[in-house]
Amino acid sequence: MNSLVEFEAERLADLFNQGDTLNIYMFMDMMNMPIDVQDRLFTEISSLRNIDKSKVENIIESHGQSIMHERLNY
């Protein structure tokens, strides 16, 4: 893992363990994560029985890309 993913995973694991939903989404937004990725990460991490940094790192690595086409115009 690179150091950025390790930092993000550690921070997210701490926030999830605190149950701080607002700051979880604010942190993911500060990471410039697309909304669909935020929702998938939140769902995957929330479903873990024991939230730890290594599991969160794996989830970030596997779900880190948006499935929405980047050229969508709103």
Protein backbone atom coordinates (compact mmCIF):
# COMPACT_ATOMS: atom_id res chain seq x y z
CA MET A 1 0.00 0.00 0.00
CA ASN A 2 1.13 3.52 -0.55
CA SER A 3 1.32 5.98 2.30
CA LEU A 4 -1.75 7.94 1.16
CA VAL A 5 -3.97 4.84 1.23
CA GLU A 6 -2.53 3.91 4.62
CA PHE A 7 -3.33 7.39 5.99
CA GLU A 8 -6.86 7.34 4.54
CA ALA A 9 -7.51 3.86 5.90
CA GLU A 10 -6.28 4.75 9.38
CA ARG A 11 -8.41 7.91 9.49
CA LEU A 12 -11.51 6.14 8.17
CA ALA A 13 -11.07 3.24 10.60
CA ASP A 14 -10.89 5.73 13.49
CA LEU A 15 -13.97 7.61 12.31
CA PHE A 16 -15.97 4.40 11.82
CA ASN A 17 -14.97 3.17 15.27
CA GLN A 18 -16.20 6.49 16.69
CA GLY A 19 -19.46 6.18 14.74
CA ASP A 20 -19.01 9.68 13.30
CA THR A 21 -20.99 9.45 10.06
CA LEU A 22 -20.84 13.16 9.23
CA ASN A 23 -17.07 13.34 9.52
CA ILE A 24 -16.71 10.08 7.57
CA TYR A 25 -18.46 11.64 4.59
CA MET A 26 -16.66 14.96 5.06
CA PHE A 27 -13.30 13.19 5.08
CA MET A 28 -14.13 11.17 1.96
CA ASP A 29 -15.26 14.40 0.28
CA MET A 30 -11.94 16.05 1.22
CA MET A 31 -10.25 13.06 -0.42
CA ASN A 32 -12.08 14.10 -3.63
CA MET A 33 -13.83 10.75 -3.80
CA PRO A 34 -16.76 10.51 -6.20
CA ILE A 35 -20.15 10.09 -4.51
CA ASP A 36 -20.68 6.56 -5.83
CA VAL A 37 -17.32 5.49 -4.41
CA GLN A 38 -18.15 7.10 -1.07
CA ASP A 39 -21.38 5.13 -0.84
CA ARG A 40 -19.70 1.83 -1.76
CA LEU A 41 -16.88 2.40 0.74
CA PHE A 42 -19.32 3.35 3.48
CA THR A 43 -21.42 0.24 2.85
CA GLU A 44 -18.44 -2.12 2.68
CA ILE A 45 -16.69 -0.72 5.75
CA SER A 46 -19.94 -0.59 7.75
CA SER A 47 -20.51 -4.28 7.08
CA LEU A 48 -17.22 -5.29 8.71
CA ARG A 49 -17.50 -6.86 12.17
CA ASN A 50 -14.12 -5.55 13.29
CA ILE A 51 -13.00 -2.42 11.53
CA ASP A 52 -9.23 -2.23 11.31
CA LYS A 53 -6.79 -0.37 9.13
CA SER A 54 -5.71 -3.33 6.99
CA LYS A 55 -9.28 -4.28 6.06
CA VAL A 56 -10.10 -0.66 5.22
CA GLU A 57 -6.94 -0.44 3.08
CA ASN A 58 -8.08 -3.44 1.06
CA ILE A 59 -11.53 -1.96 0.59
CA ILE A 60 -10.10 1.38 -0.55
CA GLU A 61 -7.84 -0.39 -3.03
CA SER A 62 -10.64 -2.52 -4.45
CA HIS A 63 -13.36 0.18 -4.57
CA GLY A 64 -11.27 3.26 -5.22
CA GLN A 65 -12.43 3.88 -8.78
CA SER A 66 -15.71 5.44 -9.83
CA ILE A 67 -18.01 3.40 -12.02
CA MET A 68 -19.71 6.56 -13.26
CA HIS A 69 -18.44 7.85 -16.55
CA GLU A 70 -16.34 10.95 -15.89
CA ARG A 71 -17.69 12.76 -18.90
CA LEU A 72 -21.27 12.96 -17.70
CA ASN A 73 -22.56 16.49 -18.08
CA TYR A 74 -25.12 17.82 -15.64
